[in-house]
C-alpha cells in the first residue's frame, strides 16, 4: 500500500493503530498536540520523582504480549515487568483487605473476612475466566459494525449475563459488604456503576485475581516509550507540539488536516483524540453525532489528581491502595445519578517507589492520589485544596501517618486540565461507560458514516475504556482501514 495516513493524537490506541498501519505499508504520520507522546498516559518528572499522570494499573498482560508479538517482538525487548505481591490493599473503616498475588492467598483473605466464602469465590472466578476467554477471543476483536458480531455459540449461552448486572451477581454469592466492594471494584475500570454494568463483564475479576497486577519498571510510561520506539522502527513519523485545527474534507472524502496554519494532505485520516473533539474539527454537515447525542451518553468519571514528592519513606501502605472507608454507593450516586462533588469520597493512592526505586530519590517516596468525581463540575483551586485536606485526614486516620509535613512539592490535575490538555469532553478521564446500551456496535463508530477515509479510535469507540481495550481499538481500526483500502 502506497497511501499515506495522518493519525491525530498519540495515546495507546493511536500508537497501536500507527504501528499496524505502518507494518501494512502505509506512510504514517502522527500529530500530537502536547509536548510528548502518550495522550492521557503522559509522564511527569520533577526533582528526581517520576509520575504516571494517567493509567497506573498494568492488568491483562496477555493483551500487551499479543500486541508486541504481532510485530515479532516481546515486551521484554522494551521493558521489564514485576508481578506485584501483594497486588493491592483496600482500606475499610474497621479493617483492611490485602489482595495477594495468587488465588490461594486471596481465598485465605476471603475466608478471614467471611468463613466459607472461598468456595463461592472459586466458582465466581471460574465463570469470570470463561467470560474472559469469550470476551478477549470472541467479542473485543470485532469492529462493532453490526449486532451480529455478538452472536456466537458461546455468547448465545451467556445471553442472560447481558441483562443481569455485576452488582446482582456479586451480591447473590457474597453477603459481607467488604467482599462485595472488593469484587465490584474492578468494573470501575469500565467506567460505570456495578449496578449498571452487565454481569458478563465480571471477566474483569479474572483479570484482577487470575492474571494479577503487574508493574513495568520505570512506570506505565515505559509502555508508551516502547510503542513509540516500535512505531519509529516501522517508519512512522511523529510530530509533537502539533495541535490539529481542522480535518479537511474534499468532495466527501478526508483529504488532510490543518495544523498550526499549515495544511497537510492525506489519503486517510485517523483520529485517536477524544471522539467528540475529533468531530468538532469537522464542519457540522460532516459530523455523525449531534450535541444532544453526546449529552445523553453516560460518561466515565473525571478525576481529581495529586502528584506529590515526599521526603521520607511511607509505612503501612502498598504500591496500590484503595480507600473504601466511606459509603461506596453514595460516592457512585454522586458521580452518575446526581453529579456533585462527593460528600465523603473514596480515593486511590499509588506509591510506585515502594517497589521501584527508580521512581523517587533515595529515601523519598513518589505519591499519586486520585479521587473519582463526576464530569462537568466546577473546578477551582479552593475545591482542590479542600479535597486534598479531606484525603490527607483520612490517610492519617487509616495508616497512622500525617504526611503533610513531608511534602516537597504537590501538583494537581482536574477537570479543567483534562479539557485543556486532552480536549476531553466534559473533562472525562476514562471515556464512555460500558453500559448495556453503550457496548460493542452501540458505541460511536470506528469508521465515519459521512466522510470517506475518515476513521476514529480510542476509549470512546470499541471496545471501550482502559489500556488493553485501547490497544485493541488501534488494531481493530487498522484492520478496517486495510480492508477498506
Protein backbone atom coordinates (compact mmCIF):
# COMPACT_ATOMS: atom_id res chain seq x y z
CA UNK A 1 0.00 0.00 0.00
CA UNK A 2 1.41 3.38 -1.03
CA UNK A 3 -1.22 5.52 0.63
CA UNK A 4 -0.43 7.94 3.42
CA UNK A 5 -2.33 8.23 6.70
CA UNK A 6 -2.37 11.04 9.24
CA UNK A 7 -3.05 9.99 12.85
CA UNK A 8 -4.32 12.61 15.29
CA UNK A 9 -3.09 12.04 18.84
CA UNK A 10 -0.53 9.65 20.29
CA UNK A 11 -2.21 7.74 23.09
CA UNK A 12 -2.26 3.94 23.32
CA UNK A 13 -4.86 3.49 20.57
CA UNK A 14 -3.19 5.92 18.15
CA UNK A 15 0.25 4.38 18.62
CA UNK A 16 -1.23 0.90 18.26
CA UNK A 17 -3.00 1.79 15.01
CA UNK A 18 0.05 3.63 13.65
CA UNK A 19 2.21 0.55 14.17
CA UNK A 20 -0.22 -1.80 12.44
CA UNK A 21 -0.76 0.59 9.52
CA UNK A 22 2.97 1.15 9.04
CA UNK A 23 3.52 -2.61 9.10
CA UNK A 24 0.93 -2.90 6.33
CA UNK A 25 2.90 -0.47 4.20
CA UNK A 26 1.16 2.84 4.73
CA UNK A 27 3.13 6.04 5.13
CA UNK A 28 2.02 7.09 8.64
CA UNK A 29 2.45 10.47 10.36
CA UNK A 30 1.30 11.21 13.92
CA UNK A 31 0.39 14.73 15.05
CA UNK A 32 0.34 15.21 18.85
CA UNK A 33 -0.85 18.49 20.38
CA UNK A 34 1.24 18.19 23.55
CA UNK A 35 4.99 18.24 24.11
CA UNK A 36 5.36 14.46 24.30
CA UNK A 37 3.57 11.33 23.12
CA UNK A 38 1.23 9.34 25.32
CA UNK A 39 -2.08 11.17 25.46
CA UNK A 40 -3.71 10.53 28.83
CA UNK A 41 -0.81 8.18 29.61
CA UNK A 42 1.63 11.06 30.00
CA UNK A 43 4.58 11.21 32.36
CA UNK A 44 5.50 13.92 34.84
CA UNK A 45 9.08 14.12 36.13
CA UNK A 46 10.27 16.60 38.75
CA UNK A 47 13.29 16.72 41.10
CA UNK A 48 14.02 13.04 40.58
CA UNK A 49 10.41 11.93 41.11
CA UNK A 50 8.62 10.12 38.28
CA UNK A 51 4.82 10.03 37.97
CA UNK A 52 2.45 8.30 35.59
CA UNK A 53 -0.09 11.07 35.04
CA UNK A 54 -2.82 8.69 33.89
CA UNK A 55 -3.03 4.87 33.87
CA UNK A 56 -1.04 3.21 36.64
CA UNK A 57 -2.50 -0.34 36.69
CA UNK A 58 -0.96 -2.95 34.38
CA UNK A 59 -3.67 -5.57 34.00
CA UNK A 60 -4.27 -8.16 31.25
CA UNK A 61 -0.59 -8.74 30.43
CA UNK A 62 -1.66 -11.14 27.67
CA UNK A 63 -3.04 -8.23 25.64
CA UNK A 64 0.30 -6.40 25.76
CA UNK A 65 2.10 -9.63 24.87
CA UNK A 66 -0.17 -10.17 21.86
CA UNK A 67 0.36 -6.61 20.64
CA UNK A 68 4.14 -6.86 20.56
CA UNK A 69 4.01 -10.43 19.23
CA UNK A 70 2.16 -9.10 16.17
CA UNK A 71 5.46 -7.38 15.31
CA UNK A 72 7.65 -10.35 16.26
CA UNK A 73 8.61 -8.58 19.46
CA UNK A 74 8.28 -9.26 23.18
CA UNK A 75 7.51 -6.84 25.97
CA UNK A 76 10.93 -7.73 27.42
CA UNK A 77 12.54 -6.25 24.30
CA UNK A 78 11.45 -2.86 25.63
CA UNK A 79 10.66 -3.02 29.35
CA UNK A 80 10.78 -5.34 32.37
CA UNK A 81 7.73 -6.43 34.33
CA UNK A 82 7.37 -7.28 38.00
CA UNK A 83 4.29 -9.01 39.41
CA UNK A 84 3.19 -7.10 42.49
CA UNK A 85 2.93 -9.04 45.73
CA UNK A 86 0.57 -8.12 47.21
CA UNK A 87 -1.36 -6.76 44.25
CA UNK A 88 -3.07 -4.04 46.29
CA UNK A 89 -4.61 -3.19 49.64
CA UNK A 90 -8.15 -1.98 50.39
CA UNK A 91 -8.72 0.16 53.48
CA UNK A 92 -12.15 -0.02 55.10
CA UNK A 93 -13.31 1.85 58.19
CA UNK A 94 -12.71 -1.12 60.50
CA UNK A 95 -10.33 -3.42 58.61
CA UNK A 96 -8.07 -3.80 55.58
CA UNK A 97 -8.16 -6.44 52.87
CA UNK A 98 -4.90 -7.42 51.19
CA UNK A 99 -5.20 -8.94 47.72
CA UNK A 100 -2.35 -11.40 47.24
CA UNK A 101 -0.59 -12.41 44.04
CA UNK A 102 -2.36 -15.79 43.65
CA UNK A 103 -5.78 -17.32 44.22
CA UNK A 104 -4.68 -19.31 47.28
CA UNK A 105 -3.70 -16.13 49.13
CA UNK A 106 -6.87 -14.33 48.02
CA UNK A 107 -9.03 -17.25 49.17
CA UNK A 108 -7.35 -17.17 52.58
CA UNK A 109 -8.18 -13.48 52.90
CA UNK A 110 -11.80 -14.04 51.88
CA UNK A 111 -12.10 -16.82 54.47
CA UNK A 112 -10.75 -14.46 57.12
CA UNK A 113 -13.47 -11.95 56.34
CA UNK A 114 -16.35 -14.37 55.67
CA UNK A 115 -15.87 -18.06 56.57
CA UNK A 116 -16.92 -20.31 53.69
CA UNK A 117 -16.66 -17.56 51.08
CA UNK A 118 -13.61 -19.04 49.31
CA UNK A 119 -15.77 -21.78 47.77
CA UNK A 120 -18.10 -19.18 46.27
CA UNK A 121 -15.10 -17.14 45.16
CA UNK A 122 -13.54 -20.01 43.23
CA UNK A 123 -16.84 -20.66 41.47
CA UNK A 124 -17.23 -16.95 40.69
CA UNK A 125 -13.70 -16.64 39.27
CA UNK A 126 -14.11 -19.80 37.17
CA UNK A 127 -17.12 -18.19 35.49
CA UNK A 128 -15.18 -14.96 35.14
CA UNK A 129 -12.38 -16.87 33.40
CA UNK A 130 -14.87 -18.38 30.94
CA UNK A 131 -16.19 -14.90 30.19
CA UNK A 132 -12.66 -13.54 29.83
CA UNK A 133 -11.86 -16.14 27.18
CA UNK A 134 -15.06 -15.31 25.27
CA UNK A 135 -14.58 -11.56 25.63
CA UNK A 136 -10.94 -11.44 24.60
CA UNK A 137 -11.03 -14.10 21.89
CA UNK A 138 -14.56 -13.77 20.52
CA UNK A 139 -16.02 -10.31 21.20
CA UNK A 140 -13.50 -7.49 21.61
CA UNK A 141 -11.74 -8.37 18.37
CA UNK A 142 -14.88 -7.41 16.41
CA UNK A 143 -15.04 -3.85 14.97
CA UNK A 144 -18.54 -3.02 16.23
CA UNK A 145 -20.12 -2.70 12.78
CA UNK A 146 -23.10 -4.98 13.36
CA UNK A 147 -25.09 -6.54 16.23
CA UNK A 148 -24.48 -9.91 14.59
CA UNK A 149 -20.86 -9.70 15.73
CA UNK A 150 -22.10 -10.56 19.22
CA UNK A 151 -23.87 -13.70 18.06
CA UNK A 152 -21.68 -16.75 18.53
CA UNK A 153 -22.45 -20.14 20.04
CA UNK A 154 -20.52 -19.01 23.14
CA UNK A 155 -22.34 -15.68 23.59
CA UNK A 156 -25.76 -17.23 22.99
CA UNK A 157 -25.15 -19.41 26.05
CA UNK A 158 -24.22 -16.29 28.02
CA UNK A 159 -27.00 -14.02 26.78
CA UNK A 160 -28.68 -13.80 30.20
CA UNK A 161 -25.49 -12.25 31.59
CA UNK A 162 -26.00 -9.19 29.42
CA UNK A 163 -29.30 -8.46 31.17
CA UNK A 164 -28.18 -9.09 34.73
CA UNK A 165 -25.71 -6.78 36.46
CA UNK A 166 -22.36 -7.23 38.14
CA UNK A 167 -23.89 -5.97 41.36
CA UNK A 168 -26.72 -8.52 41.40
CA UNK A 169 -24.35 -11.36 40.55
CA UNK A 170 -21.84 -10.45 43.27
CA UNK A 171 -24.47 -9.90 45.96
CA UNK A 172 -26.13 -13.22 45.17
CA UNK A 173 -23.00 -15.08 46.30
CA UNK A 174 -21.40 -12.74 48.85
CA UNK A 175 -23.03 -11.03 51.83
CA UNK A 176 -20.14 -9.28 53.53
CA UNK A 177 -20.09 -5.65 52.29
CA UNK A 178 -16.28 -5.58 52.22
CA UNK A 179 -16.13 -8.58 49.90
CA UNK A 180 -18.90 -7.09 47.78
CA UNK A 181 -16.93 -3.86 47.34
CA UNK A 182 -13.76 -5.82 46.58
CA UNK A 183 -15.47 -7.75 43.79
CA UNK A 184 -17.37 -4.79 42.39
CA UNK A 185 -14.31 -2.53 42.26
CA UNK A 186 -12.68 -3.85 39.03
CA UNK A 187 -15.61 -2.83 36.81
CA UNK A 188 -14.93 0.78 37.77
CA UNK A 189 -12.16 0.47 35.16
CA UNK A 190 -15.02 0.14 32.65
CA UNK A 191 -16.36 3.50 33.75
CA UNK A 192 -19.79 2.58 35.09
CA UNK A 193 -21.61 1.65 38.29
CA UNK A 194 -21.63 -2.09 39.07
CA UNK A 195 -25.43 -1.86 39.19
CA UNK A 196 -25.45 -0.69 35.54
CA UNK A 197 -22.75 -2.98 34.17
CA UNK A 198 -23.75 -6.31 32.55
CA UNK A 199 -22.67 -9.29 34.65
CA UNK A 200 -20.76 -10.65 31.66
CA UNK A 201 -18.14 -8.04 32.46
CA UNK A 202 -17.13 -9.98 35.56
CA UNK A 203 -14.26 -11.11 33.33
CA UNK A 204 -12.52 -8.11 34.90
CA UNK A 205 -12.43 -10.11 38.14
CA UNK A 206 -10.41 -12.79 36.39
CA UNK A 207 -8.10 -10.09 35.03
CA UNK A 208 -7.64 -8.99 38.64
CA UNK A 209 -7.44 -12.23 40.66
CA UNK A 210 -6.48 -14.65 37.90
CA UNK A 211 -3.89 -12.73 35.89
CA UNK A 212 -2.60 -10.46 38.62
CA UNK A 213 -1.34 -6.89 38.87
CA UNK A 214 1.98 -6.01 37.28
CA UNK A 215 4.36 -3.07 37.19
CA UNK A 216 6.62 -2.04 34.30
CA UNK A 217 9.91 -0.90 35.82
CA UNK A 218 10.02 2.85 35.41
CA UNK A 219 6.23 3.14 35.31
CA UNK A 220 3.43 2.74 32.78
CA UNK A 221 5.04 5.35 30.54
CA UNK A 222 7.65 2.72 29.68
CA UNK A 223 4.92 1.04 27.62
CA UNK A 224 4.29 4.28 25.73
CA UNK A 225 8.04 4.64 25.13
CA UNK A 226 8.13 1.06 23.86
CA UNK A 227 5.29 1.69 21.43
CA UNK A 228 6.90 4.91 20.25
CA UNK A 229 10.17 3.05 19.63
CA UNK A 230 8.33 0.34 17.72
CA UNK A 231 6.48 2.96 15.64
CA UNK A 232 9.74 4.68 14.74
CA UNK A 233 11.30 1.33 13.83
CA UNK A 234 8.38 0.78 11.45
CA UNK A 235 8.92 4.17 9.81
CA UNK A 236 6.20 6.24 11.49
CA UNK A 237 6.87 9.99 11.63
CA UNK A 238 5.87 11.74 14.88
CA UNK A 239 5.30 15.49 15.36
CA UNK A 240 4.72 16.83 18.88
CA UNK A 241 3.51 20.35 19.81
CA UNK A 242 1.29 20.00 16.74
CA UNK A 243 -2.41 20.58 17.52
CA UNK A 244 -4.85 19.88 14.71
CA UNK A 245 -7.19 22.79 13.97
CA UNK A 246 -9.34 21.17 11.29
CA UNK A 247 -9.94 17.92 9.45
CA UNK A 248 -10.18 18.83 5.78
CA UNK A 249 -12.89 17.21 3.67
CA UNK A 250 -12.90 17.43 -0.13
CA UNK A 251 -15.86 16.10 -2.10
CA UNK A 252 -16.98 13.99 0.85
CA UNK A 253 -13.54 12.49 1.43
CA UNK A 254 -10.98 13.17 4.19
CA UNK A 255 -8.08 14.82 2.39
CA UNK A 256 -5.85 16.12 5.16
CA UNK A 257 -5.58 18.26 8.27
CA UNK A 258 -4.69 21.79 9.21
CA UNK A 259 -2.01 22.14 11.88
CA UNK A 260 -0.58 25.45 13.11
CA UNK A 261 -1.90 27.16 9.99
CA UNK A 262 -0.35 24.67 7.57
CA UNK A 263 -2.27 22.10 5.50
CA UNK A 264 -1.00 18.51 5.48
CA UNK A 265 -2.55 16.33 2.79
CA UNK A 266 -3.51 12.70 3.41
CA UNK A 267 -5.30 9.81 1.74
CA UNK A 268 -6.63 8.65 5.13
CA UNK A 269 -7.22 10.49 8.41
CA UNK A 270 -7.48 8.59 11.69
CA UNK A 271 -8.24 10.39 14.94
CA UNK A 272 -7.34 8.91 18.31
CA UNK A 273 -8.20 12.17 20.07
CA UNK A 274 -11.36 12.41 22.16
CA UNK A 275 -14.13 11.40 19.72
CA UNK A 276 -16.39 14.38 20.38
CA UNK A 277 -13.46 16.78 19.93
CA UNK A 278 -12.42 14.98 16.75
CA UNK A 279 -15.85 15.58 15.23
CA UNK A 280 -15.70 19.24 16.26
CA UNK A 281 -12.75 19.53 13.84
CA UNK A 282 -15.23 18.88 11.01
CA UNK A 283 -17.85 21.17 9.51
CA UNK A 284 -21.21 20.42 11.12
CA UNK A 285 -22.60 18.75 7.98
CA UNK A 286 -19.84 16.13 8.21
CA UNK A 287 -20.38 15.30 11.89
CA UNK A 288 -22.10 11.99 12.68
CA UNK A 289 -23.18 12.76 16.22
CA UNK A 290 -25.10 15.80 17.43
CA UNK A 291 -24.62 17.77 20.61
CA UNK A 292 -27.69 16.07 22.08
CA UNK A 293 -26.20 12.63 21.29
CA UNK A 294 -23.16 13.33 23.46
CA UNK A 295 -25.28 14.93 26.18
CA UNK A 296 -27.35 11.76 26.55
CA UNK A 297 -24.38 9.39 26.84
CA UNK A 298 -23.13 8.03 30.15
CA UNK A 299 -19.51 9.05 30.60
CA UNK A 300 -16.95 7.51 32.88
CA UNK A 301 -15.83 9.72 35.77
CA UNK A 302 -13.36 12.53 35.75
CA UNK A 303 -10.67 12.64 38.43
CA UNK A 304 -9.04 14.97 40.90
CA UNK A 305 -5.35 14.03 40.94
CA UNK A 306 -2.46 14.94 43.19
CA UNK A 307 1.18 14.24 42.30
CA UNK A 308 3.31 14.54 45.41
CA UNK A 309 7.00 14.19 46.20
CA UNK A 310 7.65 13.06 49.80
CA UNK A 311 10.98 13.46 51.61
CA UNK A 312 10.51 10.21 53.55
CA UNK A 313 9.55 6.58 53.03
CA UNK A 314 5.97 5.61 53.93
CA UNK A 315 4.68 2.76 56.07
CA UNK A 316 1.52 0.66 56.26
CA UNK A 317 0.75 1.06 52.54
CA UNK A 318 1.37 -0.92 49.36
CA UNK A 319 2.13 0.03 45.76
CA UNK A 320 -1.64 0.29 45.03
CA UNK A 321 -4.11 1.30 47.76
CA UNK A 322 -7.87 1.77 47.68
CA UNK A 323 -9.54 3.75 50.45
CA UNK A 324 -13.08 2.37 50.64
CA UNK A 325 -13.64 3.56 54.20
CA UNK A 326 -16.74 5.56 53.28
CA UNK A 327 -20.02 4.78 51.51
CA UNK A 328 -19.20 3.21 48.12
CA UNK A 329 -22.77 3.54 46.80
CA UNK A 330 -23.17 7.17 47.89
CA UNK A 331 -19.99 8.15 46.05
CA UNK A 332 -21.20 6.30 42.92
CA UNK A 333 -24.55 8.12 43.06
CA UNK A 334 -22.76 11.46 43.32
CA UNK A 335 -20.80 10.61 40.17
CA UNK A 336 -23.61 9.20 37.99
CA UNK A 337 -27.09 9.87 39.38
CA UNK A 338 -26.90 13.35 40.91
CA UNK A 339 -23.50 14.73 39.86
CA UNK A 340 -21.80 16.78 42.54
CA UNK A 341 -18.53 16.97 44.40
CA UNK A 342 -18.56 13.87 46.66
CA UNK A 343 -19.73 14.16 50.24
CA UNK A 344 -17.31 11.53 51.53
CA UNK A 345 -15.08 10.47 48.66
CA UNK A 346 -13.43 7.14 48.12
CA UNK A 347 -9.91 7.56 46.78
CA UNK A 348 -6.91 5.71 45.39
CA UNK A 349 -3.27 6.13 46.41
CA UNK A 350 -0.32 4.88 44.38
CA UNK A 351 3.26 4.67 45.69
CA UNK A 352 5.29 3.08 42.88
CA UNK A 353 8.61 3.85 44.54
CA UNK A 354 7.79 1.24 47.20
CA UNK A 355 8.53 -1.45 44.61
CA UNK A 356 10.51 0.53 42.04
CA UNK A 357 13.39 2.58 43.47
CA UNK A 358 13.93 4.31 40.12
CA UNK A 359 10.78 6.38 40.57
CA UNK A 360 11.93 8.50 43.53
CA UNK A 361 15.21 9.79 45.01
CA UNK A 362 16.77 7.65 47.72
CA UNK A 363 14.86 7.82 50.99
CA UNK A 364 11.89 9.52 49.30
CA UNK A 365 8.51 8.42 48.01
CA UNK A 366 6.51 9.17 44.89
CA UNK A 367 2.82 9.58 45.71
CA UNK A 368 -0.12 9.74 43.32
CA UNK A 369 -3.64 10.27 44.74
CA UNK A 370 -6.86 10.04 42.72
CA UNK A 371 -10.42 10.97 43.68
CA UNK A 372 -13.09 9.85 41.14
CA UNK A 373 -15.56 12.68 40.50
CA UNK A 374 -18.42 13.46 38.14
CA UNK A 375 -17.70 15.18 34.84
CA UNK A 376 -18.51 18.85 34.09
CA UNK A 377 -18.22 20.00 37.71
CA UNK A 378 -16.94 23.39 38.80
CA UNK A 379 -13.18 23.10 39.20
CA UNK A 380 -11.43 25.65 41.41
CA UNK A 381 -8.20 25.79 43.38
CA UNK A 382 -10.26 26.15 46.54
CA UNK A 383 -12.12 22.88 45.87
CA UNK A 384 -8.89 21.07 45.03
CA UNK A 385 -7.34 22.18 48.33
CA UNK A 386 -10.47 21.24 50.27
CA UNK A 387 -10.40 17.66 48.97
CA UNK A 388 -6.66 17.38 49.43
CA UNK A 389 -7.13 18.03 53.14
CA UNK A 390 -10.03 15.56 53.25
CA UNK A 391 -7.96 12.70 51.88
CA UNK A 392 -4.89 13.62 53.96
CA UNK A 393 -7.04 13.45 57.11
CA UNK A 394 -8.33 10.05 56.05
CA UNK A 395 -4.85 8.83 55.15
CA UNK A 396 -3.71 9.76 58.65
CA UNK A 397 -6.70 8.02 60.20
CA UNK A 398 -6.21 4.77 58.26
CA UNK A 399 -2.41 4.49 58.17
CA UNK A 400 -1.32 6.43 61.27
CA UNK A 401 0.87 8.80 59.23
CA UNK A 402 0.49 12.56 58.95
CA UNK A 403 2.43 13.08 55.75
CA UNK A 404 1.62 16.74 55.12
CA UNK A 405 4.86 17.90 56.72
CA UNK A 406 6.87 15.58 54.43
CA UNK A 407 5.69 17.13 51.17
CA UNK A 408 8.46 18.55 48.97
CA UNK A 409 6.04 19.59 46.22
CA UNK A 410 2.45 18.99 45.14
CA UNK A 411 0.95 19.30 41.66
CA UNK A 412 -2.77 18.96 40.95
CA UNK A 413 -4.77 17.95 37.87
CA UNK A 414 -8.54 18.04 37.46
CA UNK A 415 -11.46 18.70 35.10
CA UNK A 416 -10.14 21.95 33.64
CA UNK A 417 -6.80 20.26 32.90
CA UNK A 418 -8.44 17.27 31.20
CA UNK A 419 -10.27 19.69 28.92
CA UNK A 420 -7.24 21.87 28.21
CA UNK A 421 -4.60 19.16 27.81
CA UNK A 422 -6.62 16.35 26.22
CA UNK A 423 -9.65 18.12 24.68
CA UNK A 424 -11.69 15.85 26.91
CA UNK A 425 -15.48 16.05 26.66
CA UNK A 426 -16.77 17.47 29.97
CA UNK A 427 -13.36 16.69 31.43
CA UNK A 428 -13.93 12.92 31.40
CA UNK A 429 -10.89 10.87 32.41
CA UNK A 430 -11.77 7.43 31.01
CA UNK A 431 -14.12 7.88 28.07
CA UNK A 432 -17.64 6.45 27.75
CA UNK A 433 -19.00 3.95 30.25
CA UNK A 434 -19.56 0.32 29.19
CA UNK A 435 -23.25 0.08 30.00
CA UNK A 436 -25.52 -2.34 28.09
CA UNK A 437 -26.68 0.39 25.69
CA UNK A 438 -23.10 1.58 25.12
CA UNK A 439 -21.46 -1.74 24.30
CA UNK A 440 -19.94 -3.02 21.03
CA UNK A 441 -21.89 -1.82 17.95
CA UNK A 442 -23.80 0.68 20.15
CA UNK A 443 -20.65 2.76 20.69
CA UNK A 444 -19.50 5.52 18.30
CA UNK A 445 -18.23 4.04 15.05
CA UNK A 446 -14.64 3.34 14.07
CA UNK A 447 -15.46 4.48 10.53
CA UNK A 448 -17.20 7.76 9.71
CA UNK A 449 -20.62 7.31 8.12
CA UNK A 450 -20.44 10.70 6.44
CA UNK A 451 -16.83 11.14 5.33
CA UNK A 452 -14.91 8.60 3.25
CA UNK A 453 -11.45 7.61 4.55
CA UNK A 454 -12.07 9.16 7.98
CA UNK A 455 -11.69 6.84 10.99
CA UNK A 456 -11.66 7.01 14.77
CA UNK A 457 -10.04 5.00 17.55
CA UNK A 458 -9.72 5.16 21.32
CA UNK A 459 -11.68 4.79 24.51
CA UNK A 460 -14.96 6.32 23.27
CA UNK A 461 -15.35 3.77 20.48
CA UNK A 462 -15.00 -0.04 20.55
CA UNK A 463 -14.08 -1.90 22.65
CA UNK A 464 -14.15 0.84 25.33
CA UNK A 465 -12.14 2.41 28.17
CA UNK A 466 -8.92 1.03 29.65
CA UNK A 467 -5.40 0.48 28.35
CA UNK A 468 -5.82 -3.06 26.93
CA UNK A 469 -9.04 -2.07 25.10
CA UNK A 470 -7.22 0.96 23.69
CA UNK A 471 -4.51 -1.30 22.25
CA UNK A 472 -7.23 -3.48 20.72
CA UNK A 473 -9.10 -0.45 19.37
CA UNK A 474 -5.99 0.57 17.45
CA UNK A 475 -5.72 -2.89 15.96
CA UNK A 476 -9.40 -3.02 15.01
CA UNK A 477 -9.38 0.31 13.20
CA UNK A 478 -6.14 -0.53 11.39
CA UNK A 479 -7.69 -3.79 10.12
CA UNK A 480 -10.74 -1.84 8.96
CA UNK A 481 -8.59 0.70 7.11
CA UNK A 482 -6.50 -2.02 5.47
CA UNK A 483 -9.64 -3.91 4.42
CA UNK A 484 -11.26 -0.76 3.02
CA UNK A 485 -8.14 0.10 1.07
